Amino acid sequence: MNKIALIPSYCPDENLIKLVKELKDNNYKIVVVNDGSNPSFNPIFNEIKEISHVITYKKNMGKGYALKKGLKYINDNFNNYIIVTLDSDGQHKVSDANKLVNYAKNNLDTLVLGKRIRSKKTPLKSRLGNSITKLVFSLNTGLDIYDTQTGLRAFSNKLINYMIETKGNRYEYEMNVLLYLKQYNIKYKEIEIETIYINNNSNSHFNAIKDSYKIYKEIIKFSMSSFISFIIDFIFYSMFLIISNNLIISNILARFISSICNYNINKKLVFNSKNKSLVSYYLLVIIVLLLNTYLLTLLTYMNINKFIAKLLVEIILFILSYIVQKKIIFNRKRKYEIKQEKIV
C-alpha cells in the first residue's frame, strides 16, 4: 500500500523541511498544504517541492480546510493507501507516524490516533486544555479518548469519504471527526507516542477563545439554553413559593413553564433536530421533575436553605439532562456508508 503523509502548514519554520526530508527517507509520498502563509515563507515551501507535492492557496482557511484539501487531492490521485496526518512544527516524530501507519495497514476500518501522555513537562495551557476537552468530549459522546486534540492520525482509503465529508474548516474539524465516530460505527485505536512541545508550544496558531468556542459550541449552546430555562424556572419557583409557601407545587408549576421554553430552544437551536420528540422530551421532564422534587425535598429536610437547595439540584441534574437529550431525544440519526470510490 502507498504510505502518504499529509501535512497542513501555516507560516512554518525549518522544522517542516526536516520533517519532509525524513518522511521521504522513510518512503512516504508527501502532500503539504500551504494554508495561505505569508509570501515570506515561500522559500521554505520551494525547498520541499522537489520531494513533495505542495498545494498552495492565498487566503488562510484553517487547519480543517487544509486537511480536507489535501485529502481530496490524495483521493483523486492515489489508490490503495494509508494516510498519516502530521503537524508541520516538528511535534510529531516519523518513528511514531510509522507505528500508526503499521497498525492502520492491518486495521483498514480503524482511525488510529497518536496518544500523548500528559506529564509535568507538558505546558500548563496544553495540560489544562486537553483535560477539559477530554471531559467535555466524554460527556458529549460517551467515548473514552485520552488525547482528543492529537494531530497525528492514520487511516486507510476506506475512511476517506468520512474524513472529507466531516464539517469544520479550522481546529474544530479534528474534534468533529471524533464526535461522530460512534454514530457512524467507526472504530478507533490510540497508540502512545512521544510528547514533544517546542518552545513551550508558543508557535501554536490555536486561538484560545475563538477556536475553543468552535470546539465546544454544541455544549456551550446547551449550557446557555439550560441557563435561560433555569432563570425562568427559578423566577417562577420563587414567585410561586412566596405566594403559596408550598415547595412541591411551586417546583412543578415552574418546571412546566420553563420546560416549554427549553424544549423549543434545544430542538431548533441547540440540536437542530427534526425528530418528533415532544413525547419523549416530556417523559424526560417528568423523570427529572420527580428527581428534582425528591432531591429538593431531601435537601430542605436537611435544613438547607430552599433557594440554595434549588441551585444545587439544578446543577446535579444538568449533566443527566444533556446526555439524554443529545443521545436519545434530539439524536440526529446518521446514515453513512463508507465507500471506496472517488469523490466527484
Protein backbone atom coordinates (compact mmCIF):
# COMPACT_ATOMS: atom_id res chain seq x y z
CA MET A 1 0.00 0.00 0.00
CA ASN A 2 1.06 3.59 -0.59
CA LYS A 3 2.15 5.43 2.54
CA ILE A 4 1.09 9.07 2.27
CA ALA A 5 1.97 11.82 4.73
CA LEU A 6 -0.39 14.80 4.77
CA ILE A 7 0.92 17.98 6.40
CA PRO A 8 -1.21 21.14 6.75
CA SER A 9 1.11 24.11 7.19
CA TYR A 10 0.71 27.78 8.03
CA CYS A 11 3.78 30.03 8.31
CA PRO A 12 6.20 27.14 9.01
CA ASP A 13 9.80 27.19 10.12
CA GLU A 14 12.78 24.98 9.22
CA ASN A 15 11.20 22.06 11.08
CA LEU A 16 8.92 21.48 8.09
CA ILE A 17 11.93 20.92 5.82
CA LYS A 18 13.48 18.45 8.28
CA LEU A 19 10.18 16.59 8.63
CA VAL A 20 9.60 16.27 4.88
CA LYS A 21 13.14 15.01 4.27
CA GLU A 22 12.84 12.38 7.00
CA LEU A 23 9.46 11.24 5.68
CA LYS A 24 10.98 10.91 2.22
CA ASP A 25 13.77 8.77 3.65
CA ASN A 26 11.06 6.51 5.12
CA ASN A 27 9.46 6.02 1.69
CA TYR A 28 6.43 8.24 2.19
CA LYS A 29 4.69 10.10 -0.58
CA ILE A 30 4.18 13.58 0.85
CA VAL A 31 1.44 16.17 0.40
CA VAL A 32 1.96 19.56 2.04
CA VAL A 33 -0.85 22.13 2.08
CA ASN A 34 0.29 25.74 2.31
CA ASP A 35 -2.70 27.23 4.12
CA GLY A 36 -2.35 30.83 2.96
CA SER A 37 1.05 31.51 4.51
CA ASN A 38 2.68 34.91 4.06
CA PRO A 39 4.80 35.08 0.85
CA SER A 40 7.89 35.46 3.03
CA PHE A 41 7.58 31.72 3.76
CA ASN A 42 7.75 30.76 0.08
CA PRO A 43 11.46 29.78 0.28
CA ILE A 44 10.57 27.01 2.75
CA PHE A 45 7.83 25.62 0.51
CA ASN A 46 10.03 25.97 -2.58
CA GLU A 47 12.76 23.91 -0.93
CA ILE A 48 10.47 20.91 -0.41
CA LYS A 49 8.71 20.99 -3.80
CA GLU A 50 11.15 18.54 -5.38
CA ILE A 51 10.35 15.78 -2.87
CA SER A 52 6.70 16.55 -2.07
CA HIS A 53 3.55 17.88 -3.67
CA VAL A 54 2.75 21.35 -2.33
CA ILE A 55 -0.81 22.67 -2.59
CA THR A 56 -0.98 26.44 -2.23
CA TYR A 57 -3.77 29.00 -1.97
CA LYS A 58 -3.55 32.64 -0.94
CA LYS A 59 -6.03 33.03 1.91
CA ASN A 60 -5.62 31.30 5.27
CA MET A 61 -8.65 28.99 5.56
CA GLY A 62 -7.82 26.96 8.66
CA LYS A 63 -6.40 23.56 9.53
CA GLY A 64 -9.58 21.63 8.79
CA TYR A 65 -9.88 23.17 5.33
CA ALA A 66 -6.22 22.43 4.60
CA LEU A 67 -6.57 18.79 5.68
CA LYS A 68 -9.66 18.26 3.51
CA LYS A 69 -7.98 19.99 0.58
CA GLY A 70 -5.09 17.54 0.88
CA LEU A 71 -7.42 14.58 1.33
CA LYS A 72 -9.31 15.41 -1.86
CA TYR A 73 -6.03 15.62 -3.78
CA ILE A 74 -4.92 12.25 -2.42
CA ASN A 75 -8.28 10.69 -3.19
CA ASP A 76 -8.10 11.90 -6.80
CA ASN A 77 -4.53 10.78 -7.42
CA PHE A 78 -3.88 7.59 -5.45
CA ASN A 79 -5.45 4.19 -4.84
CA ASN A 80 -4.97 1.73 -2.00
CA TYR A 81 -3.22 3.92 0.56
CA ILE A 82 -2.69 4.69 4.22
CA ILE A 83 -2.67 8.38 5.16
CA VAL A 84 -0.95 9.78 8.21
CA THR A 85 -1.51 13.43 9.17
CA LEU A 86 1.26 15.32 10.93
CA ASP A 87 1.74 18.87 12.19
CA SER A 88 4.43 20.89 10.45
CA ASP A 89 6.14 22.27 13.55
CA GLY A 90 8.19 19.20 14.47
CA GLN A 91 5.94 17.96 17.29
CA HIS A 92 5.47 14.56 15.63
CA LYS A 93 8.26 12.04 15.14
CA VAL A 94 8.39 9.98 11.97
CA SER A 95 9.03 6.87 14.05
CA ASP A 96 5.68 7.46 15.78
CA ALA A 97 3.99 8.02 12.43
CA ASN A 98 5.36 4.64 11.34
CA LYS A 99 3.75 2.96 14.37
CA LEU A 100 0.34 4.37 13.50
CA VAL A 101 0.66 3.51 9.81
CA ASN A 102 1.69 -0.08 10.55
CA TYR A 103 -1.38 -0.54 12.75
CA ALA A 104 -3.68 1.07 10.17
CA LYS A 105 -2.36 -1.29 7.46
CA ASN A 106 -3.71 -4.26 9.40
CA ASN A 107 -6.91 -2.50 10.54
CA LEU A 108 -8.28 -0.74 7.48
CA ASP A 109 -11.56 0.28 9.09
CA THR A 110 -9.93 1.91 12.11
CA LEU A 111 -8.92 5.52 12.79
CA VAL A 112 -5.56 5.38 14.60
CA LEU A 113 -4.74 8.22 16.99
CA GLY A 114 -1.42 9.26 18.47
CA LYS A 115 -1.76 9.37 22.24
CA ARG A 116 0.37 11.96 24.04
CA ILE A 117 0.71 11.22 27.75
CA ARG A 118 0.40 14.36 29.86
CA SER A 119 3.11 14.97 32.45
CA LYS A 120 4.65 17.78 34.47
CA LYS A 121 6.71 18.70 31.39
CA THR A 122 3.55 19.38 29.39
CA PRO A 123 2.86 23.16 29.21
CA LEU A 124 0.16 24.15 31.70
CA LYS A 125 -2.07 25.61 28.96
CA SER A 126 -1.93 22.37 26.97
CA ARG A 127 -2.38 20.18 30.04
CA LEU A 128 -5.42 22.13 31.23
CA GLY A 129 -6.93 22.46 27.75
CA ASN A 130 -6.54 18.75 26.97
CA SER A 131 -8.06 17.72 30.31
CA ILE A 132 -11.10 19.96 29.87
CA THR A 133 -11.60 18.85 26.27
CA LYS A 134 -11.38 15.17 27.27
CA LEU A 135 -14.11 15.69 29.88
CA VAL A 136 -16.37 17.65 27.54
CA PHE A 137 -15.84 15.10 24.76
CA SER A 138 -16.63 12.16 27.03
CA LEU A 139 -19.87 13.78 28.21
CA ASN A 140 -20.77 14.55 24.60
CA THR A 141 -20.10 11.12 23.08
CA GLY A 142 -19.65 8.50 25.77
CA LEU A 143 -16.27 7.62 24.23
CA ASP A 144 -13.14 7.45 26.36
CA ILE A 145 -10.45 9.03 24.17
CA TYR A 146 -7.43 10.20 26.15
CA ASP A 147 -5.95 12.63 23.60
CA THR A 148 -8.77 14.27 21.65
CA GLN A 149 -6.57 17.02 20.23
CA THR A 150 -3.79 14.95 18.70
CA GLY A 151 -2.87 15.91 15.15
CA LEU A 152 -1.05 12.62 14.47
CA ARG A 153 -3.67 10.31 12.95
CA ALA A 154 -3.57 7.44 10.46
CA PHE A 155 -6.31 5.79 8.41
CA SER A 156 -6.84 3.89 5.18
CA ASN A 157 -8.64 4.91 1.99
CA LYS A 158 -11.72 3.10 3.37
CA LEU A 159 -12.31 6.09 5.65
CA ILE A 160 -11.54 8.84 3.12
CA ASN A 161 -15.17 9.81 2.42
CA TYR A 162 -15.89 10.16 6.12
CA MET A 163 -12.82 12.33 6.63
CA ILE A 164 -13.64 14.61 3.68
CA GLU A 165 -17.34 14.97 4.48
CA THR A 166 -16.85 15.87 8.15
CA LYS A 167 -17.75 19.52 8.73
CA GLY A 168 -15.36 22.19 10.02
CA ASN A 169 -12.65 24.33 8.46
CA ARG A 170 -10.50 25.16 11.47
CA TYR A 171 -9.42 23.39 14.65
CA GLU A 172 -12.95 22.14 15.29
CA TYR A 173 -12.62 19.79 12.29
CA GLU A 174 -10.38 17.33 14.14
CA MET A 175 -12.79 17.29 17.07
CA ASN A 176 -15.76 16.78 14.73
CA VAL A 177 -14.03 13.74 13.22
CA LEU A 178 -14.05 12.17 16.69
CA LEU A 179 -17.52 13.38 17.68
CA TYR A 180 -19.28 11.25 15.10
CA LEU A 181 -17.19 8.04 15.27
CA LYS A 182 -19.79 6.28 17.37
CA GLN A 183 -22.74 7.37 15.22
CA TYR A 184 -21.01 6.09 12.07
CA ASN A 185 -19.78 2.90 13.79
CA ILE A 186 -16.14 3.69 13.04
CA LYS A 187 -13.51 2.02 15.19
CA TYR A 188 -10.63 3.91 16.77
CA LYS A 189 -7.35 2.96 18.39
CA GLU A 190 -4.98 5.08 20.48
CA ILE A 191 -1.25 4.34 20.31
CA GLU A 192 1.13 6.04 22.70
CA ILE A 193 3.58 8.45 21.07
CA GLU A 194 6.34 10.70 22.33
CA THR A 195 5.16 14.04 23.67
CA ILE A 196 7.12 16.95 22.17
CA TYR A 197 6.42 20.61 22.88
CA ILE A 198 8.75 23.05 21.12
CA ASN A 199 9.37 26.38 22.90
CA ASN A 200 6.58 25.56 25.37
CA ASN A 201 4.17 25.29 22.40
CA SER A 202 4.47 29.04 21.77
CA ASN A 203 4.35 28.63 17.98
CA SER A 204 0.84 27.18 18.02
CA HIS A 205 -1.70 29.05 15.88
CA PHE A 206 -4.54 27.91 18.14
CA ASN A 207 -6.71 30.86 19.22
CA ALA A 208 -7.75 30.00 22.78
CA ILE A 209 -11.07 31.88 22.66
CA LYS A 210 -12.24 31.59 19.05
CA ASP A 211 -11.09 28.03 18.39
CA SER A 212 -12.23 26.77 21.80
CA TYR A 213 -15.70 28.10 21.07
CA LYS A 214 -15.78 26.23 17.75
CA ILE A 215 -14.76 23.01 19.50
CA TYR A 216 -17.16 23.36 22.43
CA LYS A 217 -20.02 25.25 20.80
CA GLU A 218 -22.62 22.48 20.99
CA ILE A 219 -22.28 22.02 24.72
CA ILE A 220 -21.97 25.79 25.17
CA LYS A 221 -25.28 26.29 23.34
CA PHE A 222 -26.88 23.63 25.52
CA SER A 223 -25.48 25.30 28.64
CA MET A 224 -26.88 28.67 27.58
CA SER A 225 -30.27 27.09 26.81
CA SER A 226 -30.28 25.40 30.21
CA PHE A 227 -29.20 28.62 31.91
CA ILE A 228 -32.02 30.61 30.29
CA SER A 229 -34.52 27.92 31.25
CA PHE A 230 -33.09 27.81 34.76
CA ILE A 231 -33.55 31.58 35.15
CA ILE A 232 -37.17 31.26 34.03
CA ASP A 233 -37.66 28.25 36.31
CA PHE A 234 -36.05 29.96 39.31
CA ILE A 235 -38.07 33.16 38.87
CA PHE A 236 -41.39 31.31 38.73
CA TYR A 237 -40.32 28.93 41.51
CA SER A 238 -39.53 31.89 43.76
CA MET A 239 -42.74 33.68 42.83
CA PHE A 240 -44.98 30.65 43.44
CA LEU A 241 -43.12 29.82 46.65
CA ILE A 242 -43.67 33.32 48.03
CA ILE A 243 -47.37 33.18 47.10
CA SER A 244 -48.18 29.62 48.22
CA ASN A 245 -45.32 28.63 50.53
CA ASN A 246 -45.73 25.15 49.00
CA LEU A 247 -42.39 23.81 47.76
CA ILE A 248 -43.71 20.91 45.65
CA ILE A 249 -46.46 22.84 43.83
CA SER A 250 -44.11 25.77 43.19
CA ASN A 251 -41.46 23.45 41.76
CA ILE A 252 -43.93 21.62 39.47
CA LEU A 253 -45.51 24.79 38.05
CA ALA A 254 -42.15 26.47 37.49
CA ARG A 255 -40.74 23.37 35.81
CA PHE A 256 -43.70 23.12 33.44
CA ILE A 257 -43.30 26.73 32.30
CA SER A 258 -39.53 26.56 31.87
CA SER A 259 -39.72 23.20 30.05
CA ILE A 260 -41.74 24.73 27.22
CA CYS A 261 -39.01 27.29 26.66
CA ASN A 262 -36.21 24.70 26.99
CA TYR A 263 -37.80 22.27 24.52
CA ASN A 264 -38.13 24.85 21.75
CA ILE A 265 -34.61 26.24 22.19
CA ASN A 266 -32.97 22.81 22.23
CA LYS A 267 -34.97 21.44 19.31
CA LYS A 268 -34.43 24.41 16.99
CA LEU A 269 -31.14 25.97 18.05
CA VAL A 270 -29.01 23.51 20.01
CA PHE A 271 -29.52 20.10 18.40
CA ASN A 272 -31.20 21.30 15.18
CA SER A 273 -33.42 18.24 15.30
CA LYS A 274 -36.41 17.37 13.13
CA ASN A 275 -37.35 14.41 15.30
CA LYS A 276 -40.92 14.31 16.59
CA SER A 277 -39.58 14.30 20.12
CA LEU A 278 -42.21 16.09 22.22
CA VAL A 279 -43.50 12.95 23.98
CA SER A 280 -40.02 11.64 24.83
CA TYR A 281 -38.92 15.12 25.92
CA TYR A 282 -41.80 15.46 28.38
CA LEU A 283 -41.17 11.95 29.64
CA LEU A 284 -37.67 13.17 30.49
CA VAL A 285 -39.18 16.31 32.05
CA ILE A 286 -41.36 14.15 34.31
CA ILE A 287 -38.43 11.94 35.34
CA VAL A 288 -36.19 14.94 36.01
CA LEU A 289 -39.03 16.66 37.86
CA LEU A 290 -39.50 13.65 40.14
CA LEU A 291 -35.77 13.52 40.81
CA ASN A 292 -35.69 17.27 41.21
CA THR A 293 -38.55 17.29 43.69
CA TYR A 294 -37.15 14.33 45.64
CA LEU A 295 -33.67 15.86 45.94
CA LEU A 296 -35.12 19.27 46.72
CA THR A 297 -37.28 17.82 49.49
CA LEU A 298 -34.33 15.82 50.81
CA LEU A 299 -32.01 18.83 50.94
CA THR A 300 -34.56 21.09 52.61
CA TYR A 301 -35.27 18.29 55.11
CA MET A 302 -31.55 18.52 55.90
CA ASN A 303 -32.13 22.19 56.81
CA ILE A 304 -30.51 23.58 53.66
CA ASN A 305 -32.00 26.88 52.51
CA LYS A 306 -34.76 26.30 49.95
CA PHE A 307 -33.23 28.65 47.38
CA ILE A 308 -29.71 27.22 47.78
CA ALA A 309 -31.18 23.72 47.57
CA LYS A 310 -32.79 24.64 44.25
CA LEU A 311 -29.42 25.75 42.84
CA LEU A 312 -27.66 22.56 43.97
CA VAL A 313 -30.31 20.28 42.49
CA GLU A 314 -30.28 22.05 39.11
CA ILE A 315 -26.52 21.64 38.87
CA ILE A 316 -26.74 17.93 39.72
CA LEU A 317 -29.40 17.24 37.05
CA PHE A 318 -27.82 19.35 34.29
CA ILE A 319 -25.43 16.65 33.01
CA LEU A 320 -28.09 13.94 33.10
CA SER A 321 -30.48 16.07 31.05
CA TYR A 322 -27.82 16.97 28.48
CA ILE A 323 -26.78 13.36 27.85
CA VAL A 324 -30.33 12.06 27.50
CA GLN A 325 -31.41 14.89 25.18
CA LYS A 326 -28.39 14.53 22.94
CA LYS A 327 -28.28 10.74 22.80
CA ILE A 328 -31.97 9.90 22.72
CA ILE A 329 -34.45 12.75 22.34
CA PHE A 330 -32.83 15.04 19.79
CA ASN A 331 -30.48 12.45 18.29
CA ARG A 332 -29.91 13.23 14.62
CA LYS A 333 -29.80 9.73 13.15
CA ARG A 334 -26.98 9.48 10.66
CA LYS A 335 -26.91 7.06 7.81
CA TYR A 336 -23.45 6.73 6.35
CA GLU A 337 -22.00 4.03 4.19
CA ILE A 338 -18.25 4.12 3.87
CA LYS A 339 -17.35 3.82 0.22
CA GLN A 340 -14.07 3.40 -1.58
CA GLU A 341 -14.84 5.16 -4.86
CA LYS A 342 -13.51 8.63 -5.52
CA ILE A 343 -15.48 11.72 -4.59
CA VAL A 344 -16.62 13.84 -7.52
